[in-house]
Each structure stands twice: as structure tokens, then as C-alpha cells.
Amino acid sequence: MSVPMKYPNSFELSSNTLNEYMNIVSPARDSYLHSATGTAGTGPDKVYGAVLCRGDTAPGTDCASRLIQILDTAINNSDSTSCSTQKSITLFQDEYQAQITISDQDFISSFSNAPDCIVRANLNPPPVSDTDSEQFDYLVSTLMIKLTDTMASKTARYLTGQGWLTETRQTVYWLVQCTEDMPKQHCQDCLNGIIANRTQMVGHGQLGGAILGLRCSLWYQTDVQFFTGKPMFSIKEATGNFSSENKLGQGGFGTVYKGLLPGGLEVAVKRLAACSVQGLLEFKNEIQLIAKLQHKNLVKLLGCCIQGDQEKMLVYEYMQNKSLDFFIFGMFSIKFCPLYKIEQLNWPICLHIIDGIAQGIVYLHKHSRLCVVHRDLKASNILLDHDMTPKISDFGIARIFSSNMTEENTTRIVGTQYAWKLWKTGEWRQLVCCHIGSEHQEIERYIQVALLCLQDSAEDRPVMDHVLTMLSSENVNLPKPKQPAYFYVRCSEPEISSCDISITITLPRYYLSTKFKLFEYGKLRIAAHEEP
């Protein structure tokens, strides 16, 4: 809801008054609260204010920063989301997670929810059917009253809850809240007044809504559960305080731990390095991207946690078989990849993994709402679930392309000439770690398709949907691959040599990035993954 602002004559929103209104915001920051009340100015210019951040968001400094953002936006943008009367104004943050009210009338001492400024937000249209709406409204109101009675006794003055509605076969989530300075009875009366008038304000049979007053508010919805605890404490407890026993791996931007949430759900927690500025940017990008991407071959993001400037984490679904690099590059290390794991990597499973990765990339490039280039696709970012289904992870450095862009130059690609040399000499079987049976022609075709993707000229390299067609159809005539893109090799040590190999490639629509070390033991060559 966005309505034109009408500022009272007795005060104004400007850069000159921002510091004065900070007197209203600062108690929430300094006392680590979700709400605060106060005054600004003197004499005829005195105004009264109340601030409120939604109870399931972080209090204190985080709440204050939201409120400052609201004021700053209001000063610089006349289209800010607001609700105003002649003598007062209420400003809301996007998605109504924080609000600030300023008035020339003293509404603080009376604990009043007036001046009336109720925002209605239908969160889950359309409503239930007419035949069910009356029963639905009755159940919602009854459960809200019970929640209010419990919440009014809490110091924090907010409470979340949920209830199962048999008639609609849906779970409805609630959040009720008062400013923290309100006495218990005033808080109950304020919320009961909103509940009594809920259907008139939101409408009958609505599956979701929000009624936001100056002193008390309520939310209910069916699609998103309100947060019910302290995120940092929950994640610490789930991971055994990030114990080494629960460590799954470590990358350039942090460490991944296994966690067990209450209720038995296993998760993977990606904890960014506190000192990594680049990691912070990657964290923000990943949240924005993964929230918009849904596919069976993409890892599912379950949640995230940001606490101050030090802790930034992503919580994923847990993959029982870790990542592909444990099977490929770790196969000569019994610690990481036992022999029975190597035996699992037969050709049908390899085929299943290759197809899943290709399906996921095609979705990112063509079928998602955004055109996404991963830019860090490597074996350690291919996670494997209990039945070895691959799921692409780590979208932190991915780019979003507009729908009318077909290619983009990339600058950080590395790879190996080893495969090309074996292909040219007819020794491609040395590239395969699994047993080669009657499928040798199919395996050879897959290697040929992979080499087509590494050709020097961008015009020669196929786009991903064509790659998927070539992989899935034996009737497609494959051209002979040309020499891969430019590479640089530097070797050292005569007996056990370590070769750093890198390739710079301009790719249409997609980006591949891998770094290897080749270790030579006589005639045996091992390609071992190395983090960039």
C-alpha cells in the first residue's frame, strides 16, 4: 500500500530534522529492543514518535538501521510507503518489517493505537471459498485471541504461533506484537480490538493479512513461517558449536558444517569467514539468487543468518554423499573416499550425474526467471544426495543476465590440456575412473561433447541446451572437437611433478571454472582438485 504523504504543519521530514528523530530511534538500538517511544523538538514544534520492528527480525542495531533507512527514504523519495493524516504520519519499510510513527499529538502516554493508521496487506490471495470463509474466520480469530493472551505476559511483547485448519487443509502462521513499553492489559486490549475488526479491515476468508497499528500489530499467512527463535543460538546448537567433527569441507570463503535441527532435520551450514569482504558480497548474491531458483538439480536453500558484521551463514539441505570431488579427486585418499565409494561410481551413476548437472545448467540459462551464469562450476560445487542425484550449489559469484543478452565475457577460467592430449592420441579411456563395459561408445561420445565445450573459438562451442540434446541423442552427428583454448603450463620436480594449469576462455552463456594439480608417479597420472 502506498499513499501520498501529507506532512503536518508542526513538523517536517528533512535532512535537518533527521538527527532530531534519531532520538526516537536510538532507545531501540541502545536497549536491544524491537520498539521504542520518544519525542523530538521543543515547544510548538515538539513531536511524539513510536518505532516498531517486527518481532521475528533482529532487535537492537539491526532494528535501528531499518528505521533510519525508512526516514532516509522518506526524506529523499516522496513515493515512500506511508500512512498519514493531517497531524501525523507513519512510514513503513518494504514488506512492512519496520515502521515509525510521528505525530504532534501525544499518543504515547495513553498507550493508544490511534491516530488510526491501519495498513491492510493481503498476503495470500485469493480467499477461501464462500462456503468455508465463515468457519475459517472464526478459527483464525479464536486462535489469535489465545495467542494474544499468552503473548501479553511475555516481556518481549511478541509471539508467533501456528494452527492447522482442517476445512482448508492448510497451516496458518501468526505473529502478534505490541510495543515493549505497553502494560499487559493495554497490550491485550489493543490486540483484541484489532482482532474484533479484522474481517472488516482485511476481508472475509482471506488466507493472509497484516493489520499494523501504532502500538500493536498482527500478521497471519499460510506460505511462510515466522521465525520462532534466535538464529545464531539455533545454528550453534545444531552444529555442536561448529565442532571439527561436524566439518564437511572448506572453501575460499568459509567452512561448511553438518547440523541437526530440532525435529531431526539434517542441514549443511555454510559459515563465511568473518574477515572476508569478498565473502560478504558472495553471501548477499547467493541469497538473492537461490531464493528465486527452484529445480531438482539445484541445492535448496533453507534459510540464512546474519548477526552483526561477524557472522553470516547459509543453511542448505544436507547431501548425504557430500560432493562430487570426494568421488573423483579424493578417490586415492581412503580418508575422504573409501574403496566402496569408488565402486559406487559406475557408468550408470556417472551418466545420472552428468545428465542432472546438464539439466540444472540448462534451467539456469534458459528456463529460470533469471538468466544465471554460475561462474564457479566445479566438482566441489556439485552435491550428491542419498541416491546420487546431483545438485548444483554455490551461486555466490554467479551473474544475472538480462533476458536479451546472449553472451558475456568472463575472465577467470582454468582447466587442463590433459584430456585433449589423451583424446588426440586415442587414449581417452585413461580419463575414465569407472569400469568400461559395453558402454564405451557412449562414454566416448560424452567426452567428445565435453571437448566441444572447451574449443578455442566461442562460435564453435555449443550452448547448453544443444549440449543436452547431444548428450541425450545418439542420432546427433558430433563434429570433431578443435584444440582447447589457450593454456599455460608450469611444471616442477622431476619425479613427482606438480603442474598448475590454467585456461582463459570466453564462453557464450555459461562459465566453467576448475583448477587441478597433476601428480605424476611414473606412468600414473592423478588429477587432484585444488581450491582456487
Protein backbone atom coordinates (compact mmCIF):
# COMPACT_ATOMS: atom_id res chain seq x y z
CA MET A 1 0.00 0.00 0.00
CA SER A 2 1.42 3.38 -0.96
CA VAL A 3 -0.38 6.65 -0.36
CA PRO A 4 0.75 10.27 -0.84
CA MET A 5 2.41 11.83 2.20
CA LYS A 6 0.75 14.77 3.91
CA TYR A 7 3.07 16.34 6.45
CA PRO A 8 1.60 18.25 9.43
CA ASN A 9 2.43 21.92 9.70
CA SER A 10 4.10 21.38 13.06
CA PHE A 11 6.95 19.23 11.76
CA GLU A 12 8.66 18.18 8.58
CA LEU A 13 10.82 15.37 7.28
CA SER A 14 14.10 16.78 6.02
CA SER A 15 17.82 16.26 6.41
CA ASN A 16 17.78 18.96 9.10
CA THR A 17 15.29 17.04 11.24
CA LEU A 18 16.77 13.56 10.78
CA ASN A 19 19.05 13.91 13.81
CA GLU A 20 16.12 15.01 15.96
CA TYR A 21 14.07 11.95 15.02
CA MET A 22 17.07 9.77 15.86
CA ASN A 23 16.15 10.47 19.50
CA ILE A 24 13.10 8.30 18.87
CA VAL A 25 15.04 5.51 17.18
CA SER A 26 18.08 5.32 19.49
CA PRO A 27 16.37 3.66 22.51
CA ALA A 28 15.59 0.61 20.38
CA ARG A 29 19.23 0.41 19.35
CA ASP A 30 20.77 1.06 22.75
CA SER A 31 18.46 -1.25 24.71
CA TYR A 32 18.46 -4.07 22.12
CA LEU A 33 14.68 -3.86 21.66
CA HIS A 34 12.15 -4.21 18.85
CA SER A 35 10.35 -0.98 19.78
CA ALA A 36 10.74 2.39 21.45
CA THR A 37 8.87 5.64 22.06
CA GLY A 38 10.16 9.17 22.44
CA THR A 39 9.90 12.83 21.49
CA ALA A 40 11.75 15.24 19.22
CA GLY A 41 11.84 19.03 19.14
CA THR A 42 10.52 21.51 21.69
CA GLY A 43 7.64 23.92 22.17
CA PRO A 44 5.15 24.12 19.30
CA ASP A 45 7.50 22.01 17.16
CA LYS A 46 7.53 19.09 19.60
CA VAL A 47 6.51 15.76 18.08
CA TYR A 48 5.87 12.32 19.56
CA GLY A 49 7.11 9.13 17.99
CA ALA A 50 6.92 5.35 18.23
CA VAL A 51 9.01 2.81 16.36
CA LEU A 52 8.33 -0.89 15.94
CA CYS A 53 10.28 -3.67 14.20
CA ARG A 54 8.59 -6.99 13.57
CA GLY A 55 9.27 -9.39 16.42
CA ASP A 56 10.89 -12.14 14.38
CA THR A 57 13.56 -9.80 12.96
CA ALA A 58 16.78 -8.88 14.76
CA PRO A 59 16.39 -6.24 17.51
CA GLY A 60 18.79 -3.51 18.58
CA THR A 61 21.20 -2.17 15.98
CA ASP A 62 19.58 -4.08 13.12
CA CYS A 63 16.15 -2.72 14.03
CA ALA A 64 17.53 0.82 14.33
CA SER A 65 19.20 0.57 10.92
CA ARG A 66 15.86 -0.38 9.36
CA LEU A 67 14.20 2.64 10.96
CA ILE A 68 16.93 5.02 9.85
CA GLN A 69 16.55 3.64 6.35
CA ILE A 70 12.82 4.43 6.48
CA LEU A 71 13.48 8.05 7.49
CA ASP A 72 16.20 8.48 4.91
CA THR A 73 13.98 7.05 2.17
CA ALA A 74 11.11 9.33 3.19
CA ILE A 75 13.34 12.39 3.03
CA ASN A 76 14.69 11.53 -0.42
CA ASN A 77 11.70 9.81 -2.02
CA SER A 78 8.14 11.13 -1.94
CA ASP A 79 6.81 7.74 -3.06
CA SER A 80 7.74 6.02 0.20
CA THR A 81 5.22 3.58 1.64
CA SER A 82 3.29 5.52 4.26
CA CYS A 83 0.02 6.15 6.00
CA SER A 84 -0.76 9.72 7.00
CA THR A 85 -3.35 12.04 8.47
CA GLN A 86 -3.33 15.81 8.78
CA LYS A 87 -1.35 15.77 12.04
CA SER A 88 0.61 12.50 11.88
CA ILE A 89 2.48 10.17 9.59
CA THR A 90 3.52 6.51 9.73
CA LEU A 91 6.29 5.25 7.48
CA PHE A 92 6.87 1.59 6.65
CA GLN A 93 9.86 -0.36 5.42
CA ASP A 94 9.40 -2.62 2.40
CA GLU A 95 7.34 -5.71 3.28
CA TYR A 96 6.27 -3.87 6.47
CA GLN A 97 9.00 -5.32 8.69
CA ALA A 98 9.58 -1.99 10.43
CA GLN A 99 7.60 1.21 10.98
CA ILE A 100 7.98 4.64 12.56
CA THR A 101 5.13 6.97 13.57
CA ILE A 102 5.49 10.72 14.17
CA SER A 103 2.65 12.94 15.41
CA ASP A 104 2.13 16.34 17.01
CA GLN A 105 -0.37 14.69 19.39
CA ASP A 106 0.71 12.76 22.48
CA PHE A 107 -0.43 9.21 21.72
CA ILE A 108 2.36 7.72 23.84
CA SER A 109 1.12 8.23 27.39
CA SER A 110 -2.34 6.85 26.61
CA PHE A 111 -1.00 3.63 25.03
CA SER A 112 -3.44 4.24 22.22
CA ASN A 113 -3.29 2.59 18.82
CA ALA A 114 -4.62 5.90 17.47
CA PRO A 115 -4.25 8.07 15.49
CA ASP A 116 -5.74 5.34 13.35
CA CYS A 117 -3.34 4.27 10.65
CA ILE A 118 -4.13 0.69 9.75
CA VAL A 119 -2.36 -0.86 6.78
CA ARG A 120 -4.02 -3.88 5.22
CA ALA A 121 -1.82 -6.32 3.32
CA ASN A 122 -3.45 -9.36 1.72
CA LEU A 123 -0.53 -11.74 1.77
CA ASN A 124 -2.08 -14.85 0.26
CA PRO A 125 -4.91 -14.11 -2.18
CA PRO A 126 -7.29 -15.47 -3.32
CA PRO A 127 -9.54 -16.10 -0.28
CA VAL A 128 -11.08 -19.41 0.67
CA SER A 129 -14.43 -20.37 -0.85
CA ASP A 130 -17.60 -18.67 0.37
CA THR A 131 -18.79 -21.89 1.98
CA ASP A 132 -15.65 -22.14 4.13
CA SER A 133 -14.96 -18.46 4.80
CA GLU A 134 -17.18 -18.10 7.88
CA GLN A 135 -15.66 -21.13 9.60
CA PHE A 136 -12.18 -20.05 8.54
CA ASP A 137 -12.62 -16.56 10.01
CA TYR A 138 -13.95 -17.99 13.26
CA LEU A 139 -10.99 -20.34 13.66
CA VAL A 140 -8.45 -17.63 12.85
CA SER A 141 -9.97 -15.20 15.36
CA THR A 142 -10.21 -17.86 18.08
CA LEU A 143 -6.58 -18.89 17.68
CA MET A 144 -5.42 -15.27 17.60
CA ILE A 145 -7.18 -14.49 20.87
CA LYS A 146 -5.46 -17.45 22.53
CA LEU A 147 -2.12 -16.32 21.15
CA THR A 148 -2.72 -12.78 22.41
CA ASP A 149 -3.50 -13.96 25.94
CA THR A 150 -0.19 -15.83 26.07
CA MET A 151 1.87 -13.10 24.42
CA ALA A 152 0.71 -10.29 26.74
CA SER A 153 2.59 -11.94 29.60
CA LYS A 154 5.90 -12.00 27.72
CA THR A 155 8.45 -9.25 28.27
CA ALA A 156 9.32 -9.22 24.58
CA ARG A 157 5.67 -8.46 23.76
CA TYR A 158 5.55 -10.61 20.65
CA LEU A 159 4.69 -14.22 19.95
CA THR A 160 4.48 -16.49 16.93
CA GLY A 161 2.24 -19.49 16.50
CA GLN A 162 0.60 -21.80 14.01
CA GLY A 163 -2.59 -23.78 13.63
CA TRP A 164 -3.95 -26.44 11.30
CA LEU A 165 -7.25 -25.60 9.64
CA THR A 166 -8.96 -28.86 8.75
CA GLU A 167 -11.53 -27.23 6.46
CA THR A 168 -8.90 -25.75 4.13
CA ARG A 169 -6.22 -28.38 4.88
CA GLN A 170 -3.71 -25.61 5.49
CA THR A 171 -1.35 -24.46 8.22
CA VAL A 172 -1.76 -20.79 9.14
CA TYR A 173 1.10 -18.93 10.83
CA TRP A 174 0.56 -15.96 13.17
CA LEU A 175 2.56 -13.21 14.74
CA VAL A 176 1.09 -10.77 17.29
CA GLN A 177 3.04 -7.89 18.80
CA CYS A 178 2.88 -4.77 20.98
CA THR A 179 5.45 -2.11 21.72
CA GLU A 180 7.54 -3.29 24.65
CA ASP A 181 6.58 -0.44 26.98
CA MET A 182 2.87 -1.39 26.98
CA PRO A 183 1.43 -2.89 30.19
CA LYS A 184 -0.11 -6.35 29.83
CA GLN A 185 -3.75 -5.22 29.90
CA HIS A 186 -3.21 -2.38 27.45
CA CYS A 187 -1.47 -4.80 25.08
CA GLN A 188 -4.35 -7.31 25.27
CA ASP A 189 -6.98 -4.62 24.75
CA CYS A 190 -5.11 -3.19 21.78
CA LEU A 191 -4.81 -6.55 20.00
CA ASN A 192 -8.34 -7.70 20.86
CA GLY A 193 -9.61 -4.50 19.25
CA ILE A 194 -7.79 -5.33 16.03
CA ILE A 195 -8.93 -8.95 16.07
CA ALA A 196 -12.57 -7.93 16.55
CA ASN A 197 -12.42 -5.73 13.44
CA ARG A 198 -10.13 -7.98 11.39
CA THR A 199 -12.66 -9.16 8.83
CA GLN A 200 -13.88 -5.62 8.20
CA MET A 201 -10.32 -4.45 7.55
CA VAL A 202 -8.82 -7.46 5.74
CA GLY A 203 -11.94 -9.08 4.31
CA HIS A 204 -13.76 -12.38 4.82
CA GLY A 205 -11.96 -15.63 4.14
CA GLN A 206 -8.58 -14.08 3.38
CA LEU A 207 -5.76 -16.61 3.71
CA GLY A 208 -3.35 -13.93 4.88
CA GLY A 209 -3.20 -10.37 6.05
CA ALA A 210 -1.44 -7.80 8.19
CA ILE A 211 -3.01 -5.11 10.35
CA LEU A 212 -0.36 -2.71 11.58
CA GLY A 213 -1.22 -0.19 14.26
CA LEU A 214 0.95 2.33 16.02
CA ARG A 215 1.11 0.31 19.23
CA CYS A 216 0.13 -3.22 18.24
CA SER A 217 0.07 -5.33 15.09
CA LEU A 218 -0.87 -8.78 13.87
CA TRP A 219 0.13 -10.89 10.89
CA TYR A 220 -1.17 -14.17 9.55
CA GLN A 221 -0.25 -16.09 6.42
CA THR A 222 -0.14 -19.61 5.00
CA ASP A 223 3.02 -19.75 2.92
CA VAL A 224 5.86 -18.54 5.18
CA GLN A 225 6.50 -19.46 8.80
CA PHE A 226 7.56 -16.65 11.10
CA PHE A 227 10.89 -17.18 12.79
CA THR A 228 10.44 -18.59 16.28
CA GLY A 229 13.86 -18.48 17.91
CA LYS A 230 17.33 -16.95 17.95
CA PRO A 231 19.07 -17.92 14.70
CA MET A 232 22.65 -17.88 15.94
CA PHE A 233 21.87 -19.97 19.01
CA SER A 234 19.89 -22.49 16.93
CA ILE A 235 22.69 -22.92 14.39
CA LYS A 236 25.39 -23.20 17.05
CA GLU A 237 23.40 -25.87 18.82
CA ALA A 238 22.70 -27.72 15.56
CA THR A 239 26.39 -27.86 14.59
CA GLY A 240 27.77 -28.61 18.05
CA ASN A 241 29.13 -25.06 18.22
CA PHE A 242 30.78 -25.59 14.82
CA SER A 243 32.78 -28.55 16.04
CA SER A 244 35.52 -30.10 13.91
CA GLU A 245 33.64 -33.41 13.97
CA ASN A 246 30.80 -31.77 12.03
CA LYS A 247 33.05 -30.07 9.49
CA LEU A 248 32.16 -31.16 5.95
CA GLY A 249 34.62 -29.05 3.97
CA GLN A 250 36.26 -25.70 3.50
CA GLY A 251 36.39 -23.32 0.53
CA GLY A 252 37.77 -19.93 -0.31
CA PHE A 253 35.05 -18.04 1.54
CA GLY A 254 34.38 -20.17 4.59
CA THR A 255 33.62 -23.56 6.08
CA VAL A 256 30.66 -25.95 5.75
CA TYR A 257 29.33 -27.88 8.77
CA LYS A 258 26.76 -30.58 9.21
CA GLY A 259 23.91 -29.65 11.54
CA LEU A 260 20.93 -31.36 13.14
CA LEU A 261 17.93 -29.13 13.81
CA PRO A 262 15.21 -29.86 16.40
CA GLY A 263 12.87 -32.41 14.88
CA GLY A 264 15.68 -34.37 13.25
CA LEU A 265 16.24 -32.36 10.05
CA GLU A 266 19.84 -32.62 8.83
CA VAL A 267 21.26 -29.45 7.27
CA ALA A 268 24.52 -28.12 5.87
CA VAL A 269 25.60 -24.75 7.28
CA LYS A 270 27.94 -22.61 5.17
CA ARG A 271 29.73 -20.25 7.57
CA LEU A 272 31.56 -17.41 5.84
CA ALA A 273 34.98 -16.29 7.02
CA ALA A 274 34.45 -13.22 9.20
CA CYS A 275 37.32 -11.28 7.64
CA SER A 276 36.35 -11.90 4.01
CA VAL A 277 34.90 -8.81 2.33
CA GLN A 278 34.51 -10.73 -0.90
CA GLY A 279 32.76 -13.44 1.06
CA LEU A 280 30.17 -10.92 2.24
CA LEU A 281 29.39 -9.91 -1.34
CA GLU A 282 29.16 -13.57 -2.29
CA PHE A 283 26.81 -14.22 0.61
CA LYS A 284 24.40 -11.46 -0.45
CA ASN A 285 24.44 -12.60 -4.08
CA GLU A 286 23.71 -16.17 -3.13
CA ILE A 287 20.69 -15.27 -1.02
CA GLN A 288 19.19 -13.16 -3.80
CA LEU A 289 19.75 -15.83 -6.43
CA ILE A 290 18.85 -19.07 -4.72
CA ALA A 291 15.61 -17.65 -3.33
CA LYS A 292 14.42 -17.20 -6.92
CA LEU A 293 15.66 -20.51 -8.36
CA GLN A 294 13.83 -23.81 -7.93
CA HIS A 295 14.89 -27.03 -9.70
CA LYS A 296 15.51 -30.63 -8.70
CA ASN A 297 19.18 -30.29 -9.67
CA LEU A 298 19.82 -27.12 -7.66
CA VAL A 299 20.59 -27.28 -3.96
CA LYS A 300 17.75 -25.98 -1.80
CA LEU A 301 18.40 -23.03 0.48
CA LEU A 302 16.51 -23.49 3.76
CA GLY A 303 17.49 -20.25 5.49
CA CYS A 304 20.19 -17.76 6.34
CA CYS A 305 21.63 -15.99 9.38
CA ILE A 306 23.37 -12.63 9.69
CA GLN A 307 24.49 -11.45 13.12
CA GLY A 308 26.31 -8.13 13.23
CA ASP A 309 29.34 -7.85 10.99
CA GLN A 310 30.95 -11.12 12.02
CA GLU A 311 28.52 -13.98 11.43
CA LYS A 312 27.00 -14.66 8.02
CA MET A 313 25.69 -18.13 7.23
CA LEU A 314 23.58 -20.05 4.73
CA VAL A 315 21.62 -23.16 5.71
CA TYR A 316 21.13 -25.77 2.97
CA GLU A 317 19.51 -29.15 2.70
CA TYR A 318 22.03 -31.81 3.68
CA MET A 319 23.52 -34.02 0.97
CA GLN A 320 24.34 -37.48 2.31
CA ASN A 321 27.02 -38.23 -0.31
CA LYS A 322 28.88 -34.94 0.10
CA SER A 323 30.20 -33.56 -3.20
CA LEU A 324 31.47 -34.95 -6.49
CA ASP A 325 35.09 -34.06 -5.79
CA PHE A 326 35.17 -36.62 -2.96
CA PHE A 327 34.48 -39.33 -5.53
CA ILE A 328 36.77 -38.05 -8.28
CA PHE A 329 39.72 -36.16 -6.83
CA GLY A 330 39.64 -37.82 -3.44
CA MET A 331 39.42 -41.37 -4.72
CA PHE A 332 43.05 -42.11 -3.88
CA SER A 333 42.60 -40.89 -0.33
CA ILE A 334 40.91 -43.52 1.81
CA LYS A 335 40.15 -40.86 4.44
CA PHE A 336 37.85 -38.97 2.09
CA CYS A 337 36.70 -41.64 -0.33
CA PRO A 338 36.70 -45.27 0.86
CA LEU A 339 37.10 -48.01 -1.73
CA TYR A 340 33.42 -48.95 -1.52
CA LYS A 341 32.64 -45.38 -2.57
CA ILE A 342 34.82 -45.78 -5.67
CA GLU A 343 32.90 -48.90 -6.62
CA GLN A 344 29.65 -46.92 -6.45
CA LEU A 345 30.86 -44.62 -9.22
CA ASN A 346 29.93 -46.92 -12.10
CA TRP A 347 28.93 -45.65 -15.53
CA PRO A 348 25.12 -45.58 -14.97
CA ILE A 349 25.69 -43.38 -11.90
CA CYS A 350 28.15 -41.19 -13.81
CA LEU A 351 25.54 -40.85 -16.54
CA HIS A 352 22.91 -39.89 -13.96
CA ILE A 353 25.21 -37.24 -12.50
CA ILE A 354 26.20 -35.78 -15.89
CA ASP A 355 22.60 -35.56 -17.03
CA GLY A 356 21.50 -33.90 -13.79
CA ILE A 357 24.24 -31.28 -13.98
CA ALA A 358 23.34 -30.50 -17.59
CA GLN A 359 19.64 -30.25 -16.71
CA GLY A 360 20.42 -27.83 -13.89
CA ILE A 361 22.61 -25.62 -16.08
CA VAL A 362 20.00 -25.52 -18.86
CA TYR A 363 17.44 -24.41 -16.29
CA LEU A 364 19.73 -21.63 -15.07
CA HIS A 365 20.42 -20.43 -18.60
CA LYS A 366 17.03 -20.72 -20.26
CA HIS A 367 14.12 -21.71 -18.05
CA SER A 368 14.53 -19.79 -14.80
CA ARG A 369 13.00 -16.36 -14.29
CA LEU A 370 16.54 -15.02 -14.45
CA CYS A 371 19.30 -15.92 -16.87
CA VAL A 372 22.03 -17.04 -14.49
CA VAL A 373 25.67 -17.84 -15.24
CA HIS A 374 27.18 -19.82 -12.39
CA ARG A 375 30.85 -18.84 -12.99
CA ASP A 376 32.22 -21.29 -10.41
CA LEU A 377 31.06 -24.69 -11.62
CA LYS A 378 33.41 -27.37 -10.32
CA ALA A 379 33.25 -30.79 -8.75
CA SER A 380 33.20 -29.47 -5.17
CA ASN A 381 30.08 -27.44 -6.03
CA ILE A 382 28.18 -30.50 -7.25
CA LEU A 383 26.48 -32.03 -4.20
CA LEU A 384 25.08 -35.57 -4.22
CA ASP A 385 22.02 -36.71 -2.29
CA HIS A 386 21.27 -40.20 -0.96
CA ASP A 387 20.59 -41.66 -4.44
CA MET A 388 23.48 -39.78 -6.09
CA THR A 389 21.26 -37.17 -7.71
CA PRO A 390 23.45 -34.11 -8.38
CA LYS A 391 22.51 -30.68 -7.08
CA ILE A 392 24.42 -27.57 -8.14
CA SER A 393 25.42 -25.34 -5.23
CA ASP A 394 27.27 -22.10 -4.50
CA PHE A 395 25.77 -19.32 -6.55
CA GLY A 396 27.81 -16.68 -4.75
CA ILE A 397 29.70 -15.35 -7.76
CA ALA A 398 27.03 -16.01 -10.34
CA ARG A 399 25.86 -13.19 -12.57
CA ILE A 400 22.33 -12.35 -13.56
CA PHE A 401 21.92 -11.54 -17.23
CA SER A 402 19.01 -9.62 -18.67
CA SER A 403 16.82 -11.73 -20.95
CA ASN A 404 18.06 -10.04 -24.15
CA MET A 405 21.74 -10.79 -23.52
CA THR A 406 23.16 -13.90 -25.16
CA GLU A 407 26.79 -13.87 -24.11
CA GLU A 408 29.15 -12.32 -21.63
CA ASN A 409 32.92 -12.18 -21.39
CA THR A 410 34.40 -13.99 -18.41
CA THR A 411 37.87 -13.57 -17.01
CA ARG A 412 38.56 -16.33 -14.51
CA ILE A 413 38.64 -19.80 -16.09
CA VAL A 414 41.17 -22.55 -15.50
CA GLY A 415 41.36 -26.13 -16.74
CA THR A 416 43.70 -28.78 -18.20
CA GLN A 417 45.23 -29.89 -21.54
CA TYR A 418 45.48 -33.45 -20.24
CA ALA A 419 42.13 -34.60 -21.62
CA TRP A 420 42.80 -33.10 -25.05
CA LYS A 421 46.15 -34.91 -25.38
CA LEU A 422 44.61 -38.25 -24.43
CA TRP A 423 41.78 -37.69 -26.90
CA LYS A 424 44.17 -36.84 -29.74
CA THR A 425 46.28 -39.94 -29.11
CA GLY A 426 43.23 -42.22 -28.79
CA GLU A 427 43.91 -42.91 -25.11
CA TRP A 428 40.66 -41.36 -23.82
CA ARG A 429 39.95 -44.45 -21.71
CA GLN A 430 42.53 -43.17 -19.23
CA LEU A 431 40.12 -40.32 -18.46
CA VAL A 432 37.52 -42.74 -17.08
CA CYS A 433 37.79 -43.86 -13.47
CA CYS A 434 34.85 -46.27 -13.57
CA HIS A 435 34.72 -49.69 -15.22
CA ILE A 436 34.23 -49.52 -19.01
CA GLY A 437 31.98 -52.26 -20.33
CA SER A 438 29.73 -52.24 -23.36
CA GLU A 439 29.09 -48.52 -22.89
CA HIS A 440 32.46 -47.48 -24.35
CA GLN A 441 30.88 -45.79 -27.39
CA GLU A 442 28.55 -43.76 -25.17
CA ILE A 443 31.41 -42.75 -22.89
CA GLU A 444 33.50 -41.68 -25.87
CA ARG A 445 30.63 -39.53 -27.14
CA TYR A 446 30.28 -37.82 -23.75
CA ILE A 447 33.99 -36.99 -23.70
CA GLN A 448 33.71 -35.62 -27.23
CA VAL A 449 30.81 -33.35 -26.18
CA ALA A 450 32.85 -32.10 -23.22
CA LEU A 451 35.77 -31.23 -25.51
CA LEU A 452 33.42 -29.36 -27.84
CA CYS A 453 32.62 -27.11 -24.89
CA LEU A 454 36.32 -26.28 -24.44
CA GLN A 455 37.14 -25.22 -28.00
CA ASP A 456 39.17 -22.08 -28.51
CA SER A 457 36.61 -20.20 -30.59
CA ALA A 458 33.41 -19.11 -28.84
CA GLU A 459 31.50 -19.59 -32.11
CA ASP A 460 32.47 -23.28 -32.14
CA ARG A 461 31.30 -24.01 -28.61
CA PRO A 462 27.67 -25.20 -28.26
CA VAL A 463 25.16 -23.55 -25.92
CA MET A 464 23.89 -25.67 -23.03
CA ASP A 465 20.51 -26.66 -24.44
CA HIS A 466 22.32 -28.01 -27.52
CA VAL A 467 24.77 -29.80 -25.23
CA LEU A 468 21.85 -31.54 -23.53
CA THR A 469 20.49 -32.63 -26.91
CA MET A 470 23.86 -34.04 -27.93
CA LEU A 471 24.13 -35.96 -24.68
CA SER A 472 20.65 -37.42 -24.82
CA SER A 473 20.51 -38.42 -28.51
CA GLU A 474 22.74 -40.90 -30.32
CA ASN A 475 21.38 -39.68 -33.67
CA VAL A 476 23.08 -36.28 -33.43
CA ASN A 477 26.23 -36.10 -35.54
CA LEU A 478 29.01 -34.64 -33.44
CA PRO A 479 31.69 -32.50 -35.07
CA LYS A 480 35.30 -33.24 -34.25
CA PRO A 481 36.46 -31.04 -31.38
CA LYS A 482 39.13 -28.48 -32.13
CA GLN A 483 42.03 -27.59 -29.88
CA PRO A 484 41.02 -26.20 -26.47
CA ALA A 485 41.54 -22.58 -25.57
CA TYR A 486 44.90 -21.09 -24.67
CA PHE A 487 46.62 -22.74 -21.74
CA TYR A 488 49.71 -22.18 -19.66
CA VAL A 489 51.68 -24.97 -18.01
CA ARG A 490 54.41 -24.70 -15.39
CA CYS A 491 55.99 -27.89 -14.03
CA SER A 492 58.42 -28.55 -11.21
CA GLU A 493 60.09 -31.57 -9.60
CA PRO A 494 61.22 -34.32 -11.98
CA GLU A 495 59.89 -37.43 -10.23
CA ILE A 496 56.68 -36.20 -8.60
CA SER A 497 55.70 -33.19 -10.64
CA SER A 498 53.09 -30.60 -9.80
CA CYS A 499 51.58 -28.76 -12.77
CA ASP A 500 49.49 -25.61 -12.37
CA ILE A 501 47.36 -25.39 -15.50
CA SER A 502 45.07 -22.52 -16.35
CA ILE A 503 42.92 -21.63 -19.33
CA THR A 504 41.30 -18.33 -20.25
CA ILE A 505 38.11 -18.73 -22.27
CA THR A 506 35.27 -16.52 -23.47
CA LEU A 507 32.10 -18.60 -23.27
CA PRO A 508 28.61 -18.00 -24.68
CA ARG A 509 26.02 -18.08 -21.89
CA TYR A 510 27.93 -20.20 -19.42
CA TYR A 511 31.12 -20.34 -17.43
CA LEU A 512 33.28 -23.25 -16.38
CA SER A 513 35.94 -22.98 -13.72
CA THR A 514 38.19 -25.74 -12.41
CA LYS A 515 41.75 -25.86 -11.14
CA PHE A 516 43.76 -29.05 -10.96
CA LYS A 517 47.16 -30.28 -9.99
CA LEU A 518 48.58 -33.22 -11.92
CA PHE A 519 50.78 -35.53 -9.92
CA GLU A 520 52.93 -37.98 -11.89
CA TYR A 521 54.14 -41.20 -10.30
CA GLY A 522 55.95 -42.95 -13.12
CA LYS A 523 53.25 -43.68 -15.70
CA LEU A 524 50.41 -42.93 -13.30
CA ARG A 525 48.80 -39.52 -13.56
CA ILE A 526 46.35 -38.31 -10.94
CA ALA A 527 44.23 -35.19 -11.41
CA ALA A 528 43.78 -33.75 -7.92
CA HIS A 529 41.39 -30.88 -7.27
CA GLU A 530 42.84 -27.70 -5.87
CA GLU A 531 40.72 -24.85 -4.47
CA PRO A 532 41.20 -21.52 -6.31
